[in-house]
PDB file of N, CA and C in Angstrom:
ATOM      1  N   MET A   1      85.825  93.041  97.091  1.00  0.00           N
ATOM      2  CA  MET A   1      85.846  93.579  98.319  1.00  0.00           C
ATOM      3  C   MET A   1      84.466  93.272  98.999  1.00  0.00           C
ATOM      4  N   MET A   2      83.406  93.212  98.170  1.00  0.00           N
ATOM      5  CA  MET A   2      82.058  93.229  98.679  1.00  0.00           C
ATOM      6  C   MET A   2      81.770  91.776  99.182  1.00  0.00           C
ATOM      7  N   VAL A   3      82.463  90.710  98.801  1.00  0.00           N
ATOM      8  CA  VAL A   3      82.515  89.428  99.192  1.00  0.00           C
ATOM      9  C   VAL A   3      82.842  89.372 100.643  1.00  0.00           C
ATOM     10  N   TYR A   4      83.731  90.250 101.212  1.00  0.00           N
ATOM     11  CA  TYR A   4      83.963  90.253 102.484  1.00  0.00           C
ATOM     12  C   TYR A   4      83.442  91.330 103.312  1.00  0.00           C
ATOM     13  N   LYS A   5      82.175  91.849 102.766  1.00  0.00           N
ATOM     14  CA  LYS A   5      81.595  93.019 103.399  1.00  0.00           C
ATOM     15  C   LYS A   5      81.264  92.804 104.949  1.00  0.00           C
ATOM     16  N   GLU A   6      80.754  91.673 105.307  1.00  0.00           N
ATOM     17  CA  GLU A   6      80.397  91.341 106.675  1.00  0.00           C
ATOM     18  C   GLU A   6      81.730  91.461 107.617  1.00  0.00           C
ATOM     19  N   ALA A   7      82.881  90.727 107.068  1.00  0.00           N
ATOM     20  CA  ALA A   7      83.980  90.648 107.875  1.00  0.00           C
ATOM     21  C   ALA A   7      84.545  92.223 108.074  1.00  0.00           C
ATOM     22  N   LEU A   8      84.526  93.012 106.945  1.00  0.00           N
ATOM     23  CA  LEU A   8      84.953  94.422 106.896  1.00  0.00           C
ATOM     24  C   LEU A   8      84.175  95.157 108.132  1.00  0.00           C
ATOM     25  N   GLU A   9      82.756  95.116 107.741  1.00  0.00           N
ATOM     26  CA  GLU A   9      82.007  95.612 108.932  1.00  0.00           C
ATOM     27  C   GLU A   9      82.327  95.467 110.348  1.00  0.00           C
ATOM     28  N   LEU A  10      82.661  93.981 110.781  1.00  0.00           N
ATOM     29  CA  LEU A  10      83.293  93.691 111.894  1.00  0.00           C
ATOM     30  C   LEU A  10      84.303  94.701 112.525  1.00  0.00           C
ATOM     31  N   HIS A  11      85.186  95.111 111.547  1.00  0.00           N
ATOM     32  CA  HIS A  11      86.180  95.884 111.831  1.00  0.00           C
ATOM     33  C   HIS A  11      85.802  97.318 111.817  1.00  0.00           C
ATOM     34  N   GLY A  12      84.618  97.780 111.578  1.00  0.00           N
ATOM     35  CA  GLY A  12      84.110  99.159 111.770  1.00  0.00           C
ATOM     36  C   GLY A  12      84.237  99.611 110.429  1.00  0.00           C
ATOM     37  N   ILE A  13      84.593  98.992 109.319  1.00  0.00           N
ATOM     38  CA  ILE A  13      84.669  99.565 107.996  1.00  0.00           C
ATOM     39  C   ILE A  13      83.354  99.361 107.261  1.00  0.00           C
ATOM     40  N   ASP A  14      83.105 100.647 106.598  1.00  0.00           N
ATOM     41  CA  ASP A  14      81.995 100.610 105.732  1.00  0.00           C
ATOM     42  C   ASP A  14      82.317 100.534 104.243  1.00  0.00           C
ATOM     43  N   PRO A  15      82.321  99.262 103.625  1.00  0.00           N
ATOM     44  CA  PRO A  15      82.963  99.097 102.187  1.00  0.00           C
ATOM     45  C   PRO A  15      82.311 100.031 101.213  1.00  0.00           C
ATOM     46  N   ASN A  16      81.053 100.646 101.403  1.00  0.00           N
ATOM     47  CA  ASN A  16      80.624 101.588 100.462  1.00  0.00           C
ATOM     48  C   ASN A  16      81.313 102.864 100.384  1.00  0.00           C
ATOM     49  N   LYS A  17      82.154 103.177 101.532  1.00  0.00           N
ATOM     50  CA  LYS A  17      82.855 104.521 101.579  1.00  0.00           C
ATOM     51  C   LYS A  17      84.328 104.436 100.858  1.00  0.00           C
ATOM     52  N   VAL A  18      84.711 103.090 100.563  1.00  0.00           N
ATOM     53  CA  VAL A  18      86.167 102.906  99.995  1.00  0.00           C
ATOM     54  C   VAL A  18      86.182 103.170  98.618  1.00  0.00           C
ATOM     55  N   LYS A  19      87.245 104.199  98.486  1.00  0.00           N
ATOM     56  CA  LYS A  19      87.386 104.743  97.041  1.00  0.00           C
ATOM     57  C   LYS A  19      88.746 104.017  96.439  1.00  0.00           C
ATOM     58  N   HIS A  20      88.500 103.979  95.179  1.00  0.00           N
ATOM     59  CA  HIS A  20      89.698 103.389  94.431  1.00  0.00           C
ATOM     60  C   HIS A  20      90.301 104.738  93.675  1.00  0.00           C
ATOM     61  N   GLY A  21      91.509 105.039  94.003  1.00  0.00           N
ATOM     62  CA  GLY A  21      92.264 106.135  93.284  1.00  0.00           C
ATOM     63  C   GLY A  21      93.772 106.141  93.118  1.00  0.00           C
ATOM     64  N   ASN A  22      94.281 106.933  92.735  1.00  0.00           N
ATOM     65  CA  ASN A  22      95.680 107.169  92.682  1.00  0.00           C
ATOM     66  C   ASN A  22      96.282 108.093  93.669  1.00  0.00           C
ATOM     67  N   ILE A  23      97.431 107.694  94.225  1.00  0.00           N
ATOM     68  CA  ILE A  23      98.254 108.713  94.941  1.00  0.00           C
ATOM     69  C   ILE A  23      99.521 108.974  94.389  1.00  0.00           C
ATOM     70  N   VAL A  24     100.040 110.142  94.641  1.00  0.00           N
ATOM     71  CA  VAL A  24     101.472 110.396  94.015  1.00  0.00           C
ATOM     72  C   VAL A  24     102.495 110.674  95.035  1.00  0.00           C
ATOM     73  N   ASP A  25     103.623 110.092  95.031  1.00  0.00           N
ATOM     74  CA  ASP A  25     104.633 110.336  95.940  1.00  0.00           C
ATOM     75  C   ASP A  25     105.243 111.537  95.579  1.00  0.00           C
ATOM     76  N   THR A  26     104.783 112.756  96.186  1.00  0.00           N
ATOM     77  CA  THR A  26     105.294 113.921  95.983  1.00  0.00           C
ATOM     78  C   THR A  26     106.438 114.422  96.870  1.00  0.00           C
ATOM     79  N   LEU A  27     106.623 113.460  97.867  1.00  0.00           N
ATOM     80  CA  LEU A  27     107.666 113.776  98.883  1.00  0.00           C
ATOM     81  C   LEU A  27     108.841 112.956  98.543  1.00  0.00           C
ATOM     82  N   GLY A  28     108.879 112.084  97.690  1.00  0.00           N
ATOM     83  CA  GLY A  28     110.168 111.295  97.555  1.00  0.00           C
ATOM     84  C   GLY A  28     110.345 110.204  98.633  1.00  0.00           C
ATOM     85  N   ILE A  29     109.253 109.543  99.339  1.00  0.00           N
ATOM     86  CA  ILE A  29     109.359 108.778 100.237  1.00  0.00           C
ATOM     87  C   ILE A  29     109.842 107.297  99.648  1.00  0.00           C
ATOM     88  N   ILE A  30     109.260 106.979  98.585  1.00  0.00           N
ATOM     89  CA  ILE A  30     109.415 105.800  97.801  1.00  0.00           C
ATOM     90  C   ILE A  30     110.326 106.218  96.547  1.00  0.00           C
ATOM     91  N   ASP A  31     109.822 106.864  95.639  1.00  0.00           N
ATOM     92  CA  ASP A  31     110.231 107.346  94.375  1.00  0.00           C
ATOM     93  C   ASP A  31     109.396 108.471  94.058  1.00  0.00           C
ATOM     94  N   LYS A  32     110.014 109.828  94.058  1.00  0.00           N
ATOM     95  CA  LYS A  32     109.139 111.060  93.842  1.00  0.00           C
ATOM     96  C   LYS A  32     108.601 110.965  92.443  1.00  0.00           C
ATOM     97  N   GLY A  33     107.329 111.286  92.485  1.00  0.00           N
ATOM     98  CA  GLY A  33     106.494 111.225  91.259  1.00  0.00           C
ATOM     99  C   GLY A  33     105.900 110.110  90.833  1.00  0.00           C
ATOM    100  N   ARG A  34     106.264 108.989  91.529  1.00  0.00           N
ATOM    101  CA  ARG A  34     105.530 107.670  91.242  1.00  0.00           C
ATOM    102  C   ARG A  34     104.051 107.758  91.676  1.00  0.00           C
ATOM    103  N   ILE A  35     103.226 107.194  90.757  1.00  0.00           N
ATOM    104  CA  ILE A  35     101.914 106.996  91.108  1.00  0.00           C
ATOM    105  C   ILE A  35     101.632 105.662  91.660  1.00  0.00           C
ATOM    106  N   PHE A  36     100.660 105.550  92.599  1.00  0.00           N
ATOM    107  CA  PHE A  36     100.309 104.105  93.255  1.00  0.00           C
ATOM    108  C   PHE A  36      98.873 104.075  93.262  1.00  0.00           C
ATOM    109  N   GLU A  37      98.215 103.015  92.606  1.00  0.00           N
ATOM    110  CA  GLU A  37      96.817 102.680  92.767  1.00  0.00           C
ATOM    111  C   GLU A  37      96.611 102.305  94.416  1.00  0.00           C
ATOM    112  N   VAL A  38      95.418 102.939  94.793  1.00  0.00           N
ATOM    113  CA  VAL A  38      95.218 102.830  96.173  1.00  0.00           C
ATOM    114  C   VAL A  38      93.676 102.496  96.388  1.00  0.00           C
ATOM    115  N   ASP A  39      93.242 101.605  97.181  1.00  0.00           N
ATOM    116  CA  ASP A  39      91.711 101.572  97.672  1.00  0.00           C
ATOM    117  C   ASP A  39      91.892 102.167  99.130  1.00  0.00           C
ATOM    118  N   PHE A  40      91.174 103.160  99.318  1.00  0.00           N
ATOM    119  CA  PHE A  40      91.290 103.729 100.826  1.00  0.00           C
ATOM    120  C   PHE A  40      90.152 104.614 101.209  1.00  0.00           C
ATOM    121  N   TYR A  41      89.946 104.834 102.464  1.00  0.00           N
ATOM    122  CA  TYR A  41      89.057 105.982 102.830  1.00  0.00           C
ATOM    123  C   TYR A  41      89.520 106.629 103.911  1.00  0.00           C
ATOM    124  N   GLU A  42      89.222 107.838 103.883  1.00  0.00           N
ATOM    125  CA  GLU A  42      89.925 108.610 105.044  1.00  0.00           C
ATOM    126  C   GLU A  42      88.869 109.135 106.035  1.00  0.00           C
ATOM    127  N   THR A  43      89.197 109.136 107.405  1.00  0.00           N
ATOM    128  CA  THR A  43      88.253 109.727 108.436  1.00  0.00           C
ATOM    129  C   THR A  43      88.981 110.842 109.001  1.00  0.00           C
ATOM    130  N   ASN A  44      88.454 111.395 110.195  1.00  0.00           N
ATOM    131  CA  ASN A  44      89.284 112.687 110.679  1.00  0.00           C
ATOM    132  C   ASN A  44      90.382 111.864 111.419  1.00  0.00           C
ATOM    133  N   ASP A  45      90.312 110.751 111.767  1.00  0.00           N
ATOM    134  CA  ASP A  45      91.464 110.165 112.633  1.00  0.00           C
ATOM    135  C   ASP A  45      92.483 109.397 112.012  1.00  0.00           C
ATOM    136  N   TYR A  46      92.064 108.576 110.767  1.00  0.00           N
ATOM    137  CA  TYR A  46      92.743 107.598 110.026  1.00  0.00           C
ATOM    138  C   TYR A  46      92.731 107.690 108.587  1.00  0.00           C
ATOM    139  N   VAL A  47      93.636 106.968 107.973  1.00  0.00           N
ATOM    140  CA  VAL A  47      93.428 106.592 106.628  1.00  0.00           C
ATOM    141  C   VAL A  47      93.351 105.125 106.512  1.00  0.00           C
ATOM    142  N   TYR A  48      92.311 104.556 106.077  1.00  0.00           N
ATOM    143  CA  TYR A  48      92.180 103.129 105.908  1.00  0.00           C
ATOM    144  C   TYR A  48      92.672 102.714 104.602  1.00  0.00           C
ATOM    145  N   VAL A  49      93.676 101.757 104.459  1.00  0.00           N
ATOM    146  CA  VAL A  49      94.118 101.384 103.292  1.00  0.00           C
ATOM    147  C   VAL A  49      93.891 100.063 102.883  1.00  0.00           C
ATOM    148  N   PHE A  50      93.376  99.638 101.826  1.00  0.00           N
ATOM    149  CA  PHE A  50      93.299  98.091 101.604  1.00  0.00           C
ATOM    150  C   PHE A  50      94.015  97.588 100.343  1.00  0.00           C
ATOM    151  N   GLU A  51      94.352  96.383 100.482  1.00  0.00           N
ATOM    152  CA  GLU A  51      94.943  95.717  99.105  1.00  0.00           C
ATOM    153  C   GLU A  51      94.020  94.708  99.000  1.00  0.00           C
ATOM    154  N   ILE A  52      93.576  94.379  97.882  1.00  0.00           N
ATOM    155  CA  ILE A  52      92.590  93.513  97.574  1.00  0.00           C
ATOM    156  C   ILE A  52      93.270  92.434  96.505  1.00  0.00           C
ATOM    157  N   LYS A  53      93.288  91.211  96.921  1.00  0.00           N
ATOM    158  CA  LYS A  53      94.023  90.180  96.194  1.00  0.00           C
ATOM    159  C   LYS A  53      93.259  88.944  96.007  1.00  0.00           C
ATOM    160  N   ASN A  54      93.361  88.208  94.904  1.00  0.00           N
ATOM    161  CA  ASN A  54      92.817  86.846  94.779  1.00  0.00           C
ATOM    162  C   ASN A  54      93.894  85.913  95.865  1.00  0.00           C
ATOM    163  N   PHE A  55      95.199  85.928  95.444  1.00  0.00           N
ATOM    164  CA  PHE A  55      96.274  85.338  96.185  1.00  0.00           C
ATOM    165  C   PHE A  55      97.217  86.261  96.695  1.00  0.00           C
ATOM    166  N   ALA A  56      97.383  86.434  98.067  1.00  0.00           N
ATOM    167  CA  ALA A  56      98.362  87.232  98.534  1.00  0.00           C
ATOM    168  C   ALA A  56      99.752  86.647  98.580  1.00  0.00           C
ATOM    169  N   ASP A  57     100.718  86.987  97.961  1.00  0.00           N
ATOM    170  CA  ASP A  57     102.105  86.448  98.003  1.00  0.00           C
ATOM    171  C   ASP A  57     103.015  87.545  98.461  1.00  0.00           C
ATOM    172  N   GLU A  58     104.270  87.421  98.112  1.00  0.00           N
ATOM    173  CA  GLU A  58     105.373  88.357  98.353  1.00  0.00           C
ATOM    174  C   GLU A  58     105.061  89.752  97.885  1.00  0.00           C
ATOM    175  N   GLY A  59     104.545  89.768  96.504  1.00  0.00           N
ATOM    176  CA  GLY A  59     104.157  91.050  96.027  1.00  0.00           C
ATOM    177  C   GLY A  59     103.056  91.947  96.852  1.00  0.00           C
ATOM    178  N   ALA A  60     102.158  91.121  97.426  1.00  0.00           N
ATOM    179  CA  ALA A  60     101.195  91.996  98.345  1.00  0.00           C
ATOM    180  C   ALA A  60     101.966  92.444  99.420  1.00  0.00           C
ATOM    181  N   LEU A  61     102.868  91.562 100.076  1.00  0.00           N
ATOM    182  CA  LEU A  61     103.627  92.220 101.074  1.00  0.00           C
ATOM    183  C   LEU A  61     104.449  93.367 100.869  1.00  0.00           C
ATOM    184  N   GLU A  62     105.107  93.484  99.778  1.00  0.00           N
ATOM    185  CA  GLU A  62     105.985  94.649  99.287  1.00  0.00           C
ATOM    186  C   GLU A  62     105.023  95.862  99.176  1.00  0.00           C
ATOM    187  N   GLN A  63     103.727  95.601  98.439  1.00  0.00           N
ATOM    188  CA  GLN A  63     102.965  96.760  98.422  1.00  0.00           C
ATOM    189  C   GLN A  63     102.231  97.257  99.617  1.00  0.00           C
ATOM    190  N   MET A  64     102.078  96.361 100.442  1.00  0.00           N
ATOM    191  CA  MET A  64     101.610  96.718 101.859  1.00  0.00           C
ATOM    192  C   MET A  64     102.584  97.629 102.538  1.00  0.00           C
ATOM    193  N   LEU A  65     103.761  97.212 102.563  1.00  0.00           N
ATOM    194  CA  LEU A  65     104.884  97.857 103.004  1.00  0.00           C
ATOM    195  C   LEU A  65     105.111  99.306 102.473  1.00  0.00           C
ATOM    196  N   VAL A  66     105.094  99.394 101.316  1.00  0.00           N
ATOM    197  CA  VAL A  66     105.145 100.554 100.579  1.00  0.00           C
ATOM    198  C   VAL A  66     104.143 101.543 100.951  1.00  0.00           C
ATOM    199  N   ARG A  67     102.815 101.058 101.113  1.00  0.00           N
ATOM    200  CA  ARG A  67     101.780 101.831 101.530  1.00  0.00           C
ATOM    201  C   ARG A  67     101.863 102.334 103.043  1.00  0.00           C
ATOM    202  N   LYS A  68     102.585 101.615 103.775  1.00  0.00           N
ATOM    203  CA  LYS A  68     102.688 101.735 105.219  1.00  0.00           C
ATOM    204  C   LYS A  68     103.661 102.842 105.487  1.00  0.00           C
ATOM    205  N   LYS A  69     104.607 103.035 104.569  1.00  0.00           N
ATOM    206  CA  LYS A  69     105.571 104.101 104.539  1.00  0.00           C
ATOM    207  C   LYS A  69     105.043 105.520 104.058  1.00  0.00           C
ATOM    208  N   LEU A  70     104.166 105.427 103.049  1.00  0.00           N
ATOM    209  CA  LEU A  70     103.802 106.397 102.059  1.00  0.00           C
ATOM    210  C   LEU A  70     102.626 107.205 102.534  1.00  0.00           C
ATOM    211  N   VAL A  71     101.436 106.503 102.639  1.00  0.00           N
ATOM    212  CA  VAL A  71     100.219 107.006 103.070  1.00  0.00           C
ATOM    213  C   VAL A  71     100.278 107.966 104.449  1.00  0.00           C
ATOM    214  N   PRO A  72     100.917 107.511 105.461  1.00  0.00           N
ATOM    215  CA  PRO A  72     100.780 108.378 106.726  1.00  0.00           C
ATOM    216  C   PRO A  72     101.558 109.876 106.312  1.00  0.00           C
ATOM    217  N   GLN A  73     102.672 109.737 105.489  1.00  0.00           N
ATOM    218  CA  GLN A  73     103.306 110.955 105.169  1.00  0.00           C
ATOM    219  C   GLN A  73     102.565 111.913 104.312  1.00  0.00           C
ATOM    220  N   LEU A  74     101.863 111.344 103.359  1.00  0.00           N
ATOM    221  CA  LEU A  74     101.154 111.987 102.362  1.00  0.00           C
ATOM    222  C   LEU A  74      99.849 112.611 103.123  1.00  0.00           C
ATOM    223  N   PHE A  75      99.155 111.962 103.968  1.00  0.00           N
ATOM    224  CA  PHE A  75      97.932 112.427 104.588  1.00  0.00           C
ATOM    225  C   PHE A  75      98.085 113.190 105.806  1.00  0.00           C
ATOM    226  N   ASN A  76      99.326 112.864 106.465  1.00  0.00           N
ATOM    227  CA  ASN A  76      99.633 113.499 107.695  1.00  0.00           C
ATOM    228  C   ASN A  76      98.623 112.933 108.854  1.00  0.00           C
ATOM    229  N   LYS A  77      98.351 111.541 108.761  1.00  0.00           N
ATOM    230  CA  LYS A  77      97.414 110.806 109.611  1.00  0.00           C
ATOM    231  C   LYS A  77      98.135 109.452 109.767  1.00  0.00           C
ATOM    232  N   PRO A  78      97.628 108.686 110.862  1.00  0.00           N
ATOM    233  CA  PRO A  78      98.005 107.188 110.976  1.00  0.00           C
ATOM    234  C   PRO A  78      97.117 106.428 109.949  1.00  0.00           C
ATOM    235  N   VAL A  79      97.793 105.496 109.415  1.00  0.00           N
ATOM    236  CA  VAL A  79      97.043 104.519 108.596  1.00  0.00           C
ATOM    237  C   VAL A  79      96.656 103.106 109.384  1.00  0.00           C
ATOM    238  N   LYS A  80      95.441 102.606 108.771  1.00  0.00           N
ATOM    239  CA  LYS A  80      95.278 101.362 109.328  1.00  0.00           C
ATOM    240  C   LYS A  80      95.157 100.425 108.022  1.00  0.00           C
ATOM    241  N   LEU A  81      95.881  99.413 107.929  1.00  0.00           N
ATOM    242  CA  LEU A  81      96.193  98.663 106.643  1.00  0.00           C
ATOM    243  C   LEU A  81      95.258  97.225 106.642  1.00  0.00           C
ATOM    244  N   PHE A  82      94.557  96.973 105.567  1.00  0.00           N
ATOM    245  CA  PHE A  82      93.815  95.777 105.577  1.00  0.00           C
ATOM    246  C   PHE A  82      94.244  95.180 104.183  1.00  0.00           C
ATOM    247  N   LEU A  83      94.521  93.843 104.429  1.00  0.00           N
ATOM    248  CA  LEU A  83      94.642  92.970 103.328  1.00  0.00           C
ATOM    249  C   LEU A  83      93.343  92.112 103.261  1.00  0.00           C
ATOM    250  N   VAL A  84      92.738  92.131 102.112  1.00  0.00           N
ATOM    251  CA  VAL A  84      91.603  91.317 101.708  1.00  0.00           C
ATOM    252  C   VAL A  84      91.860  90.466 100.563  1.00  0.00           C
ATOM    253  N   ALA A  85      91.985  89.154 100.936  1.00  0.00           N
ATOM    254  CA  ALA A  85      92.369  87.987  99.789  1.00  0.00           C
ATOM    255  C   ALA A  85      91.548  86.843 100.146  1.00  0.00           C
ATOM    256  N   ASN A  86      91.321  86.186  98.920  1.00  0.00           N
ATOM    257  CA  ASN A  86      90.711  84.813  99.060  1.00  0.00           C
ATOM    258  C   ASN A  86      91.836  83.898  99.637  1.00  0.00           C
ATOM    259  N   TYR A  87      93.047  83.818  99.228  1.00  0.00           N
ATOM    260  CA  TYR A  87      93.960  83.109  99.661  1.00  0.00           C
ATOM    261  C   TYR A  87      95.275  83.878 100.112  1.00  0.00           C
ATOM    262  N   VAL A  88      95.826  83.477 101.300  1.00  0.00           N
ATOM    263  CA  VAL A  88      97.119  84.234 101.502  1.00  0.00           C
ATOM    264  C   VAL A  88      98.132  83.133 102.016  1.00  0.00           C
ATOM    265  N   ASP A  89      99.376  83.426 101.437  1.00  0.00           N
ATOM    266  CA  ASP A  89     100.438  82.597 102.006  1.00  0.00           C
ATOM    267  C   ASP A  89     100.718  82.788 103.276  1.00  0.00           C
ATOM    268  N   LYS A  90     100.935  81.720 104.004  1.00  0.00           N
ATOM    269  CA  LYS A  90     101.114  81.602 105.515  1.00  0.00           C
ATOM    270  C   LYS A  90     102.187  82.554 106.007  1.00  0.00           C
ATOM    271  N   LYS A  91     103.513  82.467 105.248  1.00  0.00           N
ATOM    272  CA  LYS A  91     104.571  83.320 105.475  1.00  0.00           C
ATOM    273  C   LYS A  91     104.209  84.820 105.522  1.00  0.00           C
ATOM    274  N   VAL A  92     103.431  85.140 104.404  1.00  0.00           N
ATOM    275  CA  VAL A  92     103.266  86.558 104.053  1.00  0.00           C
ATOM    276  C   VAL A  92     102.114  87.006 105.031  1.00  0.00           C
ATOM    277  N   LYS A  93     101.198  86.109 105.598  1.00  0.00           N
ATOM    278  CA  LYS A  93     100.169  86.556 106.619  1.00  0.00           C
ATOM    279  C   LYS A  93     101.101  86.824 107.833  1.00  0.00           C
ATOM    280  N   GLU A  94     101.855  86.084 108.159  1.00  0.00           N
ATOM    281  CA  GLU A  94     102.743  86.238 109.522  1.00  0.00           C
ATOM    282  C   GLU A  94     103.546  87.608 109.403  1.00  0.00           C
ATOM    283  N   GLU A  95     104.201  87.714 108.324  1.00  0.00           N
ATOM    284  CA  GLU A  95     104.927  89.098 108.149  1.00  0.00           C
ATOM    285  C   GLU A  95     104.010  90.299 108.186  1.00  0.00           C
ATOM    286  N   LEU A  96     102.902  90.163 107.459  1.00  0.00           N
ATOM    287  CA  LEU A  96     101.985  91.322 107.499  1.00  0.00           C
ATOM    288  C   LEU A  96     101.287  91.599 108.864  1.00  0.00           C
ATOM    289  N   GLU A  97     101.082  90.502 109.679  1.00  0.00           N
ATOM    290  CA  GLU A  97     100.449  90.636 111.024  1.00  0.00           C
ATOM    291  C   GLU A  97     101.539  91.400 112.032  1.00  0.00           C
ATOM    292  N   LYS A  98     102.899  91.010 111.723  1.00  0.00           N
ATOM    293  CA  LYS A  98     103.983  91.836 112.449  1.00  0.00           C
ATOM    294  C   LYS A  98     103.868  93.162 112.181  1.00  0.00           C
ATOM    295  N   GLU A  99     103.529  93.679 111.087  1.00  0.00           N
ATOM    296  CA  GLU A  99     103.650  94.871 110.612  1.00  0.00           C
ATOM    297  C   GLU A  99     102.301  95.702 110.891  1.00  0.00           C
ATOM    298  N   GLY A 100     101.319  94.875 111.671  1.00  0.00           N
ATOM    299  CA  GLY A 100     100.105  95.510 111.968  1.00  0.00           C
ATOM    300  C   GLY A 100      98.934  95.505 110.935  1.00  0.00           C
ATOM    301  N   VAL A 101      99.141  94.737 110.055  1.00  0.00           N
ATOM    302  CA  VAL A 101      98.085  94.752 108.956  1.00  0.00           C
ATOM    303  C   VAL A 101      97.139  93.703 109.449  1.00  0.00           C
ATOM    304  N   THR A 102      95.681  94.105 109.155  1.00  0.00           N
ATOM    305  CA  THR A 102      94.649  93.207 109.400  1.00  0.00           C
ATOM    306  C   THR A 102      94.406  92.186 108.288  1.00  0.00           C
ATOM    307  N   ILE A 103      94.165  91.027 108.429  1.00  0.00           N
ATOM    308  CA  ILE A 103      94.058  90.124 107.387  1.00  0.00           C
ATOM    309  C   ILE A 103      92.665  89.599 107.264  1.00  0.00           C
ATOM    310  N   ILE A 104      92.049  89.767 106.144  1.00  0.00           N
ATOM    311  CA  ILE A 104      90.629  89.171 105.943  1.00  0.00           C
ATOM    312  C   ILE A 104      90.889  88.169 104.820  1.00  0.00           C
ATOM    313  N   SER A 105      90.670  86.987 105.176  1.00  0.00           N
ATOM    314  CA  SER A 105      91.055  85.823 104.048  1.00  0.00           C
ATOM    315  C   SER A 105      90.236  84.691 104.293  1.00  0.00           C
ATOM    316  N   SER A 106      89.883  83.942 103.050  1.00  0.00           N
ATOM    317  CA  SER A 106      89.158  82.645 103.150  1.00  0.00           C
ATOM    318  C   SER A 106      89.895  81.585 103.523  1.00  0.00           C
ATOM    319  N   MET A 107      91.301  81.405 103.144  1.00  0.00           N
ATOM    320  CA  MET A 107      92.196  80.428 103.316  1.00  0.00           C
ATOM    321  C   MET A 107      93.789  80.972 103.403  1.00  0.00           C
ATOM    322  N   VAL A 108      94.355  80.161 104.368  1.00  0.00           N
ATOM    323  CA  VAL A 108      95.828  80.374 104.431  1.00  0.00           C
ATOM    324  C   VAL A 108      96.514  79.203 103.677  1.00  0.00           C
ATOM    325  N   VAL A 109      97.448  79.499 102.918  1.00  0.00           N
ATOM    326  CA  VAL A 109      98.134  78.286 102.111  1.00  0.00           C
ATOM    327  C   VAL A 109      99.475  78.159 102.598  1.00  0.00           C
ATOM    328  N   GLU A 110      99.913  76.963 102.891  1.00  0.00           N
ATOM    329  CA  GLU A 110     101.304  76.751 103.345  1.00  0.00           C
ATOM    330  C   GLU A 110     102.005  76.431 102.131  1.00  0.00           C
TER     331      GLU A 110
END
């Protein structure tokens, strides 16, 4: 993620505040008791969630959609989602952008 530090800062993100941790679906939104690894940081207004990938494919899309459902419910705050990837599949990029995810990437692959 630090490779994209300047790009993140342009979006108002301080990469040094991002934490890596686990969240538990205590509400049964996805699967009660399931643990998810998440890179995030919380402010008074939002929870910023990051998915870091070398190549973002359908799996990354699914992970982002899960976090979009789960995080706002657990934190009781709106979420801002970011995908940070070296490469991103064009179709996945388009789908994520429809979902409001900010994409930071070096290259889009068709």
